[in-house]
């Protein structure tokens, strides 16, 4: 109005159209590349349901901490000659197998299964 002209934003013609899109795409790709390097994510195009699974944190280290390593291997090495180390689960399984064998319901001897009777 009073000799004051409205200032319109100045647009650089070189950043319009397809070139502008390519610059934007290049910067998006650079951001994706950095994200992959930092977070170790796999970039899957589109709405792939596997992407959700691949984005999840790996649970292996947590599971390894939760389930401690078995001592069986080391216990067997420490046992004196002639003494056999068995876990509680193994002992129960062997006791049940012994009961089944006494009743005649145990597993057949090697080579005496169903197929050999034909």
PDB file of N, CA and C in Angstrom:
ATOM      1  N   UNK A   1       0.833  -1.160   0.000  1.00  0.00           N
ATOM      2  CA  UNK A   1       0.000   0.000   0.000  1.00  0.00           C
ATOM      3  C   UNK A   1       0.875   1.219   0.000  1.00  0.00           C
ATOM      4  N   UNK A   2       1.393   1.812   0.988  1.00  0.00           N
ATOM      5  CA  UNK A   2       2.102   3.081   1.004  1.00  0.00           C
ATOM      6  C   UNK A   2       3.489   2.947   0.409  1.00  0.00           C
ATOM      7  N   UNK A   3       3.573   2.620  -0.816  1.00  0.00           N
ATOM      8  CA  UNK A   3       4.860   2.498  -1.472  1.00  0.00           C
ATOM      9  C   UNK A   3       5.571   1.203  -1.102  1.00  0.00           C
ATOM     10  N   UNK A   4       4.898   0.399  -0.322  1.00  0.00           N
ATOM     11  CA  UNK A   4       5.488  -0.866   0.136  1.00  0.00           C
ATOM     12  C   UNK A   4       4.975  -1.980  -0.771  1.00  0.00           C
ATOM     13  N   UNK A   5       5.886  -2.664  -1.396  1.00  0.00           N
ATOM     14  CA  UNK A   5       5.468  -3.755  -2.261  1.00  0.00           C
ATOM     15  C   UNK A   5       5.550  -5.063  -1.483  1.00  0.00           C
ATOM     16  N   UNK A   6       4.599  -5.910  -1.705  1.00  0.00           N
ATOM     17  CA  UNK A   6       4.587  -7.206  -1.011  1.00  0.00           C
ATOM     18  C   UNK A   6       5.736  -8.052  -1.524  1.00  0.00           C
ATOM     19  N   UNK A   7       6.416  -8.670  -0.639  1.00  0.00           N
ATOM     20  CA  UNK A   7       7.541  -9.506  -1.048  1.00  0.00           C
ATOM     21  C   UNK A   7       7.054 -10.926  -1.269  1.00  0.00           C
ATOM     22  N   UNK A   8       7.245 -11.394  -2.437  1.00  0.00           N
ATOM     23  CA  UNK A   8       6.901 -12.767  -2.757  1.00  0.00           C
ATOM     24  C   UNK A   8       8.159 -13.597  -2.619  1.00  0.00           C
ATOM     25  N   UNK A   9       8.017 -14.819  -2.153  1.00  0.00           N
ATOM     26  CA  UNK A   9       9.218 -15.644  -2.008  1.00  0.00           C
ATOM     27  C   UNK A   9       9.874 -15.878  -3.361  1.00  0.00           C
ATOM     28  N   UNK A  10      11.170 -15.799  -3.369  1.00  0.00           N
ATOM     29  CA  UNK A  10      11.928 -16.014  -4.596  1.00  0.00           C
ATOM     30  C   UNK A  10      12.212 -17.505  -4.745  1.00  0.00           C
ATOM     31  N   UNK A  11      11.825 -18.074  -5.852  1.00  0.00           N
ATOM     32  CA  UNK A  11      12.044 -19.496  -6.106  1.00  0.00           C
ATOM     33  C   UNK A  11      13.169 -19.650  -7.109  1.00  0.00           C
ATOM     34  N   UNK A  12      14.064 -20.500  -6.788  1.00  0.00           N
ATOM     35  CA  UNK A  12      15.134 -20.816  -7.734  1.00  0.00           C
ATOM     36  C   UNK A  12      14.570 -21.809  -8.738  1.00  0.00           C
ATOM     37  N   UNK A  13      14.619 -21.490  -9.987  1.00  0.00           N
ATOM     38  CA  UNK A  13      14.024 -22.336 -11.021  1.00  0.00           C
ATOM     39  C   UNK A  13      14.719 -23.690 -11.090  1.00  0.00           C
ATOM     40  N   UNK A  14      15.998 -23.740 -10.728  1.00  0.00           N
ATOM     41  CA  UNK A  14      16.744 -25.000 -10.836  1.00  0.00           C
ATOM     42  C   UNK A  14      16.252 -26.057  -9.847  1.00  0.00           C
ATOM     43  N   UNK A  15      15.533 -25.640  -8.771  1.00  0.00           N
ATOM     44  CA  UNK A  15      15.062 -26.630  -7.792  1.00  0.00           C
ATOM     45  C   UNK A  15      13.598 -27.000  -8.011  1.00  0.00           C
ATOM     46  N   UNK A  16      13.045 -26.643  -9.141  1.00  0.00           N
ATOM     47  CA  UNK A  16      11.662 -26.987  -9.437  1.00  0.00           C
ATOM     48  C   UNK A  16      11.589 -28.251 -10.279  1.00  0.00           C
ATOM     49  N   UNK A  17      10.455 -28.923 -10.263  1.00  0.00           N
ATOM     50  CA  UNK A  17      10.206 -30.051 -11.151  1.00  0.00           C
ATOM     51  C   UNK A  17      10.994 -31.300 -10.794  1.00  0.00           C
ATOM     52  N   UNK A  18      11.387 -32.064 -11.816  1.00  0.00           N
ATOM     53  CA  UNK A  18      12.030 -33.362 -11.597  1.00  0.00           C
ATOM     54  C   UNK A  18      13.359 -33.264 -10.851  1.00  0.00           C
ATOM     55  N   UNK A  19      14.105 -32.161 -11.075  1.00  0.00           N
ATOM     56  CA  UNK A  19      15.394 -32.032 -10.381  1.00  0.00           C
ATOM     57  C   UNK A  19      15.183 -31.910  -8.878  1.00  0.00           C
ATOM     58  N   UNK A  20      14.166 -31.167  -8.496  1.00  0.00           N
ATOM     59  CA  UNK A  20      13.885 -31.003  -7.073  1.00  0.00           C
ATOM     60  C   UNK A  20      13.534 -32.357  -6.461  1.00  0.00           C
ATOM     61  N   UNK A  21      12.721 -33.144  -7.187  1.00  0.00           N
ATOM     62  CA  UNK A  21      12.343 -34.477  -6.700  1.00  0.00           C
ATOM     63  C   UNK A  21      13.565 -35.364  -6.544  1.00  0.00           C
ATOM     64  N   UNK A  22      14.502 -35.286  -7.494  1.00  0.00           N
ATOM     65  CA  UNK A  22      15.682 -36.135  -7.420  1.00  0.00           C
ATOM     66  C   UNK A  22      16.551 -35.744  -6.226  1.00  0.00           C
ATOM     67  N   UNK A  23      16.627 -34.430  -5.925  1.00  0.00           N
ATOM     68  CA  UNK A  23      17.379 -33.992  -4.743  1.00  0.00           C
ATOM     69  C   UNK A  23      16.725 -34.529  -3.475  1.00  0.00           C
ATOM     70  N   UNK A  24      15.395 -34.450  -3.423  1.00  0.00           N
ATOM     71  CA  UNK A  24      14.676 -34.942  -2.250  1.00  0.00           C
ATOM     72  C   UNK A  24      14.862 -36.442  -2.108  1.00  0.00           C
ATOM     73  N   UNK A  25      14.801 -37.161  -3.230  1.00  0.00           N
ATOM     74  CA  UNK A  25      14.970 -38.611  -3.191  1.00  0.00           C
ATOM     75  C   UNK A  25      16.383 -38.978  -2.763  1.00  0.00           C
ATOM     76  N   UNK A  26      17.362 -38.198  -3.235  1.00  0.00           N
ATOM     77  CA  UNK A  26      18.752 -38.462  -2.874  1.00  0.00           C
ATOM     78  C   UNK A  26      18.955 -38.253  -1.379  1.00  0.00           C
ATOM     79  N   UNK A  27      18.351 -37.196  -0.813  1.00  0.00           N
ATOM     80  CA  UNK A  27      18.522 -36.944   0.616  1.00  0.00           C
ATOM     81  C   UNK A  27      17.787 -38.004   1.435  1.00  0.00           C
ATOM     82  N   UNK A  28      16.618 -38.454   0.966  1.00  0.00           N
ATOM     83  CA  UNK A  28      15.897 -39.532   1.672  1.00  0.00           C
ATOM     84  C   UNK A  28      16.713 -40.806   1.664  1.00  0.00           C
ATOM     85  N   UNK A  29      17.333 -41.094   0.539  1.00  0.00           N
ATOM     86  CA  UNK A  29      18.165 -42.298   0.435  1.00  0.00           C
ATOM     87  C   UNK A  29      19.362 -42.194   1.373  1.00  0.00           C
ATOM     88  N   UNK A  30      19.944 -40.998   1.474  1.00  0.00           N
ATOM     89  CA  UNK A  30      21.078 -40.800   2.380  1.00  0.00           C
ATOM     90  C   UNK A  30      20.644 -41.015   3.829  1.00  0.00           C
ATOM     91  N   UNK A  31      19.462 -40.512   4.173  1.00  0.00           N
ATOM     92  CA  UNK A  31      18.936 -40.705   5.533  1.00  0.00           C
ATOM     93  C   UNK A  31      18.701 -42.188   5.789  1.00  0.00           C
ATOM     94  N   UNK A  32      18.096 -42.882   4.829  1.00  0.00           N
ATOM     95  CA  UNK A  32      17.856 -44.320   4.983  1.00  0.00           C
ATOM     96  C   UNK A  32      19.168 -45.080   5.172  1.00  0.00           C
ATOM     97  N   UNK A  33      20.192 -44.693   4.405  1.00  0.00           N
ATOM     98  CA  UNK A  33      21.493 -45.362   4.490  1.00  0.00           C
ATOM     99  C   UNK A  33      22.093 -45.180   5.888  1.00  0.00           C
ATOM    100  N   UNK A  34      22.003 -43.959   6.414  1.00  0.00           N
ATOM    101  CA  UNK A  34      22.530 -43.684   7.757  1.00  0.00           C
ATOM    102  C   UNK A  34      21.751 -44.477   8.808  1.00  0.00           C
ATOM    103  N   UNK A  35      20.432 -44.530   8.669  1.00  0.00           N
ATOM    104  CA  UNK A  35      19.607 -45.293   9.612  1.00  0.00           C
ATOM    105  C   UNK A  35      20.000 -46.763   9.583  1.00  0.00           C
ATOM    106  N   UNK A  36      20.211 -47.305   8.385  1.00  0.00           N
ATOM    107  CA  UNK A  36      20.627 -48.715   8.266  1.00  0.00           C
ATOM    108  C   UNK A  36      21.955 -48.943   8.966  1.00  0.00           C
ATOM    109  N   UNK A  37      22.904 -48.014   8.779  1.00  0.00           N
ATOM    110  CA  UNK A  37      24.225 -48.172   9.396  1.00  0.00           C
ATOM    111  C   UNK A  37      24.143 -48.091  10.910  1.00  0.00           C
ATOM    112  N   UNK A  38      23.331 -47.164  11.426  1.00  0.00           N
ATOM    113  CA  UNK A  38      23.257 -46.953  12.871  1.00  0.00           C
ATOM    114  C   UNK A  38      22.458 -48.057  13.553  1.00  0.00           C
ATOM    115  N   UNK A  39      21.270 -48.338  13.026  1.00  0.00           N
ATOM    116  CA  UNK A  39      20.372 -49.273  13.695  1.00  0.00           C
ATOM    117  C   UNK A  39      20.418 -50.681  13.131  1.00  0.00           C
ATOM    118  N   UNK A  40      21.069 -50.884  12.017  1.00  0.00           N
ATOM    119  CA  UNK A  40      21.171 -52.214  11.425  1.00  0.00           C
ATOM    120  C   UNK A  40      19.860 -52.717  10.855  1.00  0.00           C
ATOM    121  N   UNK A  41      19.022 -51.826  10.358  1.00  0.00           N
ATOM    122  CA  UNK A  41      17.728 -52.230   9.814  1.00  0.00           C
ATOM    123  C   UNK A  41      17.862 -52.576   8.343  1.00  0.00           C
ATOM    124  N   UNK A  42      17.049 -53.518   7.913  1.00  0.00           N
ATOM    125  CA  UNK A  42      17.000 -53.877   6.509  1.00  0.00           C
ATOM    126  C   UNK A  42      15.908 -53.038   5.866  1.00  0.00           C
ATOM    127  N   UNK A  43      16.225 -52.377   4.771  1.00  0.00           N
ATOM    128  CA  UNK A  43      15.264 -51.511   4.108  1.00  0.00           C
ATOM    129  C   UNK A  43      14.461 -52.320   3.103  1.00  0.00           C
ATOM    130  N   UNK A  44      13.191 -52.544   3.401  1.00  0.00           N
ATOM    131  CA  UNK A  44      12.318 -53.262   2.481  1.00  0.00           C
ATOM    132  C   UNK A  44      11.344 -52.266   1.858  1.00  0.00           C
ATOM    133  N   UNK A  45      11.195 -52.281   0.542  1.00  0.00           N
ATOM    134  CA  UNK A  45      10.291 -51.335  -0.091  1.00  0.00           C
ATOM    135  C   UNK A  45       8.830 -51.689   0.159  1.00  0.00           C
ATOM    136  N   UNK A  46       8.003 -50.664   0.240  1.00  0.00           N
ATOM    137  CA  UNK A  46       6.567 -50.878   0.351  1.00  0.00           C
ATOM    138  C   UNK A  46       6.133 -51.325   1.729  1.00  0.00           C
ATOM    139  N   UNK A  47       4.936 -51.857   1.789  1.00  0.00           N
ATOM    140  CA  UNK A  47       4.337 -52.269   3.061  1.00  0.00           C
ATOM    141  C   UNK A  47       4.530 -53.766   3.236  1.00  0.00           C
ATOM    142  N   UNK A  48       5.758 -54.178   3.401  1.00  0.00           N
ATOM    143  CA  UNK A  48       6.074 -55.596   3.516  1.00  0.00           C
ATOM    144  C   UNK A  48       5.887 -56.035   4.962  1.00  0.00           C
ATOM    145  N   UNK A  49       5.090 -57.097   5.231  1.00  0.00           N
ATOM    146  CA  UNK A  49       4.880 -57.521   6.615  1.00  0.00           C
ATOM    147  C   UNK A  49       6.151 -58.039   7.278  1.00  0.00           C
ATOM    148  N   UNK A  50       7.123 -58.456   6.477  1.00  0.00           N
ATOM    149  CA  UNK A  50       8.371 -58.956   7.062  1.00  0.00           C
ATOM    150  C   UNK A  50       9.193 -57.826   7.661  1.00  0.00           C
ATOM    151  N   UNK A  51       8.943 -56.609   7.227  1.00  0.00           N
ATOM    152  CA  UNK A  51       9.709 -55.466   7.728  1.00  0.00           C
ATOM    153  C   UNK A  51       9.531 -55.301   9.231  1.00  0.00           C
ATOM    154  N   UNK A  52       8.302 -55.538   9.721  1.00  0.00           N
ATOM    155  CA  UNK A  52       8.011 -55.423  11.153  1.00  0.00           C
ATOM    156  C   UNK A  52       8.854 -56.423  11.946  1.00  0.00           C
ATOM    157  N   UNK A  53       8.982 -57.630  11.422  1.00  0.00           N
ATOM    158  CA  UNK A  53       9.760 -58.664  12.091  1.00  0.00           C
ATOM    159  C   UNK A  53      11.238 -58.325  12.066  1.00  0.00           C
ATOM    160  N   UNK A  54      11.724 -57.845  10.935  1.00  0.00           N
ATOM    161  CA  UNK A  54      13.144 -57.530  10.814  1.00  0.00           C
ATOM    162  C   UNK A  54      13.542 -56.321  11.657  1.00  0.00           C
ATOM    163  N   UNK A  55      12.584 -55.425  11.941  1.00  0.00           N
ATOM    164  CA  UNK A  55      12.875 -54.244  12.733  1.00  0.00           C
ATOM    165  C   UNK A  55      13.026 -54.583  14.216  1.00  0.00           C
ATOM    166  N   UNK A  56      12.406 -55.677  14.653  1.00  0.00           N
ATOM    167  CA  UNK A  56      12.426 -56.018  16.073  1.00  0.00           C
ATOM    168  C   UNK A  56      13.847 -56.308  16.542  1.00  0.00           C
ATOM    169  N   UNK A  57      14.096 -55.984  17.788  1.00  0.00           N
ATOM    170  CA  UNK A  57      15.418 -56.244  18.364  1.00  0.00           C
ATOM    171  C   UNK A  57      15.623 -57.746  18.499  1.00  0.00           C
ATOM    172  N   UNK A  58      16.855 -58.185  18.367  1.00  0.00           N
ATOM    173  CA  UNK A  58      17.154 -59.601  18.480  1.00  0.00           C
ATOM    174  C   UNK A  58      17.005 -60.041  19.933  1.00  0.00           C
ATOM    175  N   UNK A  59      16.404 -61.201  20.144  1.00  0.00           N
ATOM    176  CA  UNK A  59      16.144 -61.658  21.507  1.00  0.00           C
ATOM    177  C   UNK A  59      17.159 -62.685  21.982  1.00  0.00           C
ATOM    178  N   UNK A  60      18.093 -63.088  21.128  1.00  0.00           N
ATOM    179  CA  UNK A  60      19.065 -64.113  21.488  1.00  0.00           C
ATOM    180  C   UNK A  60      19.873 -63.802  22.733  1.00  0.00           C
ATOM    181  N   UNK A  61      20.481 -62.613  22.832  1.00  0.00           N
ATOM    182  CA  UNK A  61      21.274 -62.306  24.025  1.00  0.00           C
ATOM    183  C   UNK A  61      20.461 -62.364  25.317  1.00  0.00           C
ATOM    184  N   UNK A  62      19.197 -61.922  25.261  1.00  0.00           N
ATOM    185  CA  UNK A  62      18.351 -61.942  26.452  1.00  0.00           C
ATOM    186  C   UNK A  62      18.010 -63.383  26.837  1.00  0.00           C
ATOM    187  N   UNK A  63      17.699 -64.211  25.828  1.00  0.00           N
ATOM    188  CA  UNK A  63      17.372 -65.607  26.103  1.00  0.00           C
ATOM    189  C   UNK A  63      18.583 -66.341  26.663  1.00  0.00           C
ATOM    190  N   UNK A  64      19.755 -66.027  26.154  1.00  0.00           N
ATOM    191  CA  UNK A  64      20.969 -66.673  26.636  1.00  0.00           C
ATOM    192  C   UNK A  64      21.203 -66.331  28.112  1.00  0.00           C
ATOM    193  N   UNK A  65      20.899 -65.085  28.489  1.00  0.00           N
ATOM    194  CA  UNK A  65      21.050 -64.692  29.888  1.00  0.00           C
ATOM    195  C   UNK A  65      20.006 -65.376  30.767  1.00  0.00           C
ATOM    196  N   UNK A  66      18.790 -65.557  30.227  1.00  0.00           N
ATOM    197  CA  UNK A  66      17.693 -66.128  31.017  1.00  0.00           C
ATOM    198  C   UNK A  66      17.904 -67.618  31.246  1.00  0.00           C
ATOM    199  N   UNK A  67      18.331 -68.333  30.209  1.00  0.00           N
ATOM    200  CA  UNK A  67      18.563 -69.771  30.324  1.00  0.00           C
ATOM    201  C   UNK A  67      20.065 -70.006  30.458  1.00  0.00           C
ATOM    202  N   UNK A  68      20.550 -70.225  31.679  1.00  0.00           N
ATOM    203  CA  UNK A  68      21.994 -70.395  31.851  1.00  0.00           C
ATOM    204  C   UNK A  68      22.477 -71.686  31.191  1.00  0.00           C
ATOM    205  N   UNK A  69      23.770 -71.727  30.910  1.00  0.00           N
ATOM    206  CA  UNK A  69      24.362 -72.908  30.284  1.00  0.00           C
ATOM    207  C   UNK A  69      24.289 -74.088  31.243  1.00  0.00           C
ATOM    208  N   UNK A  70      23.997 -75.250  30.710  1.00  0.00           N
ATOM    209  CA  UNK A  70      23.867 -76.450  31.528  1.00  0.00           C
ATOM    210  C   UNK A  70      25.222 -76.860  32.097  1.00  0.00           C
ATOM    211  N   UNK A  71      25.202 -77.397  33.337  1.00  0.00           N
ATOM    212  CA  UNK A  71      26.453 -77.835  33.967  1.00  0.00           C
ATOM    213  C   UNK A  71      26.736 -79.304  33.686  1.00  0.00           C
ATOM    214  N   UNK A  72      25.839 -79.965  32.962  1.00  0.00           N
ATOM    215  CA  UNK A  72      25.968 -81.408  32.740  1.00  0.00           C
ATOM    216  C   UNK A  72      27.315 -81.791  32.139  1.00  0.00           C
ATOM    217  N   UNK A  73      27.746 -81.050  31.132  1.00  0.00           N
ATOM    218  CA  UNK A  73      28.987 -81.369  30.435  1.00  0.00           C
ATOM    219  C   UNK A  73      30.167 -81.342  31.410  1.00  0.00           C
ATOM    220  N   UNK A  74      30.199 -80.308  32.258  1.00  0.00           N
ATOM    221  CA  UNK A  74      31.306 -80.161  33.198  1.00  0.00           C
ATOM    222  C   UNK A  74      31.202 -81.166  34.349  1.00  0.00           C
ATOM    223  N   UNK A  75      29.969 -81.462  34.770  1.00  0.00           N
ATOM    224  CA  UNK A  75      29.760 -82.415  35.863  1.00  0.00           C
ATOM    225  C   UNK A  75      30.210 -83.818  35.449  1.00  0.00           C
ATOM    226  N   UNK A  76      29.962 -84.192  34.188  1.00  0.00           N
ATOM    227  CA  UNK A  76      30.375 -85.518  33.712  1.00  0.00           C
ATOM    228  C   UNK A  76      31.900 -85.648  33.722  1.00  0.00           C
ATOM    229  N   UNK A  77      32.606 -84.550  33.407  1.00  0.00           N
ATOM    230  CA  UNK A  77      34.071 -84.579  33.401  1.00  0.00           C
ATOM    231  C   UNK A  77      34.631 -84.700  34.817  1.00  0.00           C
ATOM    232  N   UNK A  78      33.935 -84.134  35.793  1.00  0.00           N
ATOM    233  CA  UNK A  78      34.430 -84.121  37.173  1.00  0.00           C
ATOM    234  C   UNK A  78      34.120 -85.409  37.934  1.00  0.00           C
ATOM    235  N   UNK A  79      33.199 -86.216  37.412  1.00  0.00           N
ATOM    236  CA  UNK A  79      32.801 -87.435  38.139  1.00  0.00           C
ATOM    237  C   UNK A  79      33.945 -88.450  38.117  1.00  0.00           C
ATOM    238  N   UNK A  80      34.140 -89.184  39.241  1.00  0.00           N
ATOM    239  CA  UNK A  80      35.195 -90.207  39.276  1.00  0.00           C
ATOM    240  C   UNK A  80      34.863 -91.383  38.356  1.00  0.00           C
ATOM    241  N   UNK A  81      35.869 -92.199  38.069  1.00  0.00           N
ATOM    242  CA  UNK A  81      35.696 -93.365  37.183  1.00  0.00           C
ATOM    243  C   UNK A  81      34.626 -94.302  37.735  1.00  0.00           C
ATOM    244  N   UNK A  82      33.795 -94.807  36.868  1.00  0.00           N
ATOM    245  CA  UNK A  82      32.781 -95.779  37.258  1.00  0.00           C
ATOM    246  C   UNK A  82      31.498 -95.143  37.781  1.00  0.00           C
ATOM    247  N   UNK A  83      31.504 -93.865  38.092  1.00  0.00           N
ATOM    248  CA  UNK A  83      30.295 -93.188  38.575  1.00  0.00           C
ATOM    249  C   UNK A  83      29.718 -92.397  37.415  1.00  0.00           C
ATOM    250  N   UNK A  84      28.445 -92.654  37.157  1.00  0.00           N
ATOM    251  CA  UNK A  84      27.806 -92.003  36.012  1.00  0.00           C
ATOM    252  C   UNK A  84      26.939 -90.852  36.493  1.00  0.00           C
ATOM    253  N   UNK A  85      27.123 -89.675  35.920  1.00  0.00           N
ATOM    254  CA  UNK A  85      26.324 -88.494  36.274  1.00  0.00           C
ATOM    255  C   UNK A  85      25.045 -88.505  35.462  1.00  0.00           C
ATOM    256  N   UNK A  86      23.903 -88.375  36.134  1.00  0.00           N
ATOM    257  CA  UNK A  86      22.614 -88.264  35.445  1.00  0.00           C
ATOM    258  C   UNK A  86      21.832 -87.110  36.049  1.00  0.00           C
ATOM    259  N   UNK A  87      21.122 -86.414  35.205  1.00  0.00           N
ATOM    260  CA  UNK A  87      20.274 -85.325  35.689  1.00  0.00           C
ATOM    261  C   UNK A  87      19.001 -85.914  36.256  1.00  0.00           C
ATOM    262  N   UNK A  88      18.241 -85.088  36.953  1.00  0.00           N
ATOM    263  CA  UNK A  88      16.981 -85.551  37.540  1.00  0.00           C
ATOM    264  C   UNK A  88      16.011 -86.007  36.446  1.00  0.00           C
ATOM    265  N   UNK A  89      15.990 -85.292  35.339  1.00  0.00           N
ATOM    266  CA  UNK A  89      15.092 -85.643  34.222  1.00  0.00           C
ATOM    267  C   UNK A  89      15.504 -86.989  33.627  1.00  0.00           C
ATOM    268  N   UNK A  90      16.818 -87.177  33.428  1.00  0.00           N
ATOM    269  CA  UNK A  90      17.297 -88.464  32.888  1.00  0.00           C
ATOM    270  C   UNK A  90      16.951 -89.603  33.830  1.00  0.00           C
ATOM    271  N   UNK A  91      17.141 -89.397  35.127  1.00  0.00           N
ATOM    272  CA  UNK A  91      16.849 -90.446  36.110  1.00  0.00           C
ATOM    273  C   UNK A  91      15.374 -90.821  36.066  1.00  0.00           C
ATOM    274  N   UNK A  92      14.497 -89.819  35.982  1.00  0.00           N
ATOM    275  CA  UNK A  92      13.062 -90.100  35.901  1.00  0.00           C
ATOM    276  C   UNK A  92      12.716 -90.882  34.640  1.00  0.00           C
ATOM    277  N   UNK A  93      13.311 -90.478  33.512  1.00  0.00           N
ATOM    278  CA  UNK A  93      13.050 -91.162  32.237  1.00  0.00           C
ATOM    279  C   UNK A  93      13.512 -92.611  32.296  1.00  0.00           C
ATOM    280  N   UNK A  94      14.699 -92.850  32.844  1.00  0.00           N
ATOM    281  CA  UNK A  94      15.215 -94.218  32.949  1.00  0.00           C
ATOM    282  C   UNK A  94      14.362 -95.074  33.879  1.00  0.00           C
ATOM    283  N   UNK A  95      13.878 -94.487  34.990  1.00  0.00           N
ATOM    284  CA  UNK A  95      13.017 -95.224  35.925  1.00  0.00           C
ATOM    285  C   UNK A  95      11.709 -95.620  35.245  1.00  0.00           C
ATOM    286  N   UNK A  96      11.122 -94.698  34.491  1.00  0.00           N
ATOM    287  CA  UNK A  96       9.862 -94.995  33.794  1.00  0.00           C
ATOM    288  C   UNK A  96      10.082 -96.063  32.731  1.00  0.00           C
ATOM    289  N   UNK A  97      11.182 -95.976  32.006  1.00  0.00           N
ATOM    290  CA  UNK A  97      11.507 -96.960  30.982  1.00  0.00           C
ATOM    291  C   UNK A  97      11.687 -98.348  31.604  1.00  0.00           C
ATOM    292  N   UNK A  98      12.318 -98.392  32.777  1.00  0.00           N
ATOM    293  CA  UNK A  98      12.507 -99.657  33.486  1.00  0.00           C
ATOM    294  C   UNK A  98      11.160-100.273  33.879  1.00  0.00           C
ATOM    295  N   UNK A  99      10.240 -99.428  34.371  1.00  0.00           N
ATOM    296  CA  UNK A  99       8.902 -99.913  34.733  1.00  0.00           C
ATOM    297  C   UNK A  99       8.179-100.458  33.502  1.00  0.00           C
ATOM    298  N   UNK A 100       8.256 -99.739  32.387  1.00  0.00           N
ATOM    299  CA  UNK A 100       7.587-100.190  31.167  1.00  0.00           C
ATOM    300  C   UNK A 100       8.168-101.520  30.682  1.00  0.00           C
ATOM    301  N   UNK A 101       9.478-101.664  30.763  1.00  0.00           N
ATOM    302  CA  UNK A 101      10.117-102.913  30.319  1.00  0.00           C
ATOM    303  C   UNK A 101       9.665-104.088  31.170  1.00  0.00           C
ATOM    304  N   UNK A 102       9.529-103.871  32.484  1.00  0.00           N
ATOM    305  CA  UNK A 102       9.076-104.949  33.370  1.00  0.00           C
ATOM    306  C   UNK A 102       7.656-105.393  33.032  1.00  0.00           C
ATOM    307  N   UNK A 103       6.833-104.482  32.549  1.00  0.00           N
ATOM    308  CA  UNK A 103       5.464-104.839  32.158  1.00  0.00           C
ATOM    309  C   UNK A 103       5.396-105.335  30.721  1.00  0.00           C
ATOM    310  N   UNK A 104       6.529-105.324  30.007  1.00  0.00           N
ATOM    311  CA  UNK A 104       6.546-105.780  28.619  1.00  0.00           C
ATOM    312  C   UNK A 104       6.090-104.720  27.636  1.00  0.00           C
ATOM    313  N   UNK A 105       6.100-103.460  28.035  1.00  0.00           N
ATOM    314  CA  UNK A 105       5.613-102.380  27.176  1.00  0.00           C
ATOM    315  C   UNK A 105       6.748-101.474  26.682  1.00  0.00           C
ATOM    316  N   UNK A 106       7.967-101.861  26.918  1.00  0.00           N
ATOM    317  CA  UNK A 106       9.104-101.032  26.521  1.00  0.00           C
ATOM    318  C   UNK A 106       9.339-101.080  25.019  1.00  0.00           C
ATOM    319  N   UNK A 107      10.327-100.334  24.549  1.00  0.00           N
ATOM    320  CA  UNK A 107      10.628-100.334  23.124  1.00  0.00           C
ATOM    321  C   UNK A 107      11.194-101.686  22.693  1.00  0.00           C
ATOM    322  N   UNK A 108      10.957-102.104  21.436  1.00  0.00           N
ATOM    323  CA  UNK A 108      11.493-103.390  20.977  1.00  0.00           C
ATOM    324  C   UNK A 108      13.009-103.339  20.838  1.00  0.00           C
ATOM    325  N   UNK A 109      13.632-104.514  20.836  1.00  0.00           N
ATOM    326  CA  UNK A 109      15.074-104.577  20.631  1.00  0.00           C
ATOM    327  C   UNK A 109      15.382-104.113  19.213  1.00  0.00           C
ATOM    328  N   UNK A 110      16.598-103.689  19.009  1.00  0.00           N
ATOM    329  CA  UNK A 110      17.004-103.161  17.704  1.00  0.00           C
ATOM    330  C   UNK A 110      16.767-104.212  16.614  1.00  0.00           C
ATOM    331  N   UNK A 111      16.069-103.801  15.553  1.00  0.00           N
ATOM    332  CA  UNK A 111      15.799-104.709  14.443  1.00  0.00           C
ATOM    333  C   UNK A 111      14.569-105.574  14.649  1.00  0.00           C
ATOM    334  N   UNK A 112      13.845-105.382  15.760  1.00  0.00           N
ATOM    335  CA  UNK A 112      12.664-106.212  16.011  1.00  0.00           C
ATOM    336  C   UNK A 112      11.398-105.356  16.053  1.00  0.00           C
ATOM    337  N   UNK A 113      11.333-104.322  15.209  1.00  0.00           N
ATOM    338  CA  UNK A 113      10.170-103.433  15.193  1.00  0.00           C
ATOM    339  C   UNK A 113       9.035-103.999  14.361  1.00  0.00           C
ATOM    340  N   UNK A 114       8.035-103.160  14.078  1.00  0.00           N
ATOM    341  CA  UNK A 114       6.856-103.577  13.338  1.00  0.00           C
ATOM    342  C   UNK A 114       7.197-104.070  11.933  1.00  0.00           C
ATOM    343  N   UNK A 115       8.084-103.373  11.266  1.00  0.00           N
ATOM    344  CA  UNK A 115       8.381-103.701   9.863  1.00  0.00           C
ATOM    345  C   UNK A 115       9.061-105.060   9.723  1.00  0.00           C
ATOM    346  N   UNK A 116       9.847-105.468  10.717  1.00  0.00           N
ATOM    347  CA  UNK A 116      10.562-106.739  10.596  1.00  0.00           C
ATOM    348  C   UNK A 116       9.640-107.941  10.794  1.00  0.00           C
ATOM    349  N   UNK A 117       8.472-107.746  11.380  1.00  0.00           N
ATOM    350  CA  UNK A 117       7.544-108.865  11.618  1.00  0.00           C
ATOM    351  C   UNK A 117       6.823-109.314  10.359  1.00  0.00           C
ATOM    352  N   UNK A 118       6.805-108.488   9.311  1.00  0.00           N
ATOM    353  CA  UNK A 118       6.071-108.823   8.080  1.00  0.00           C
ATOM    354  C   UNK A 118       6.685-109.972   7.332  1.00  0.00           C
TER     355      UNK A 118
END
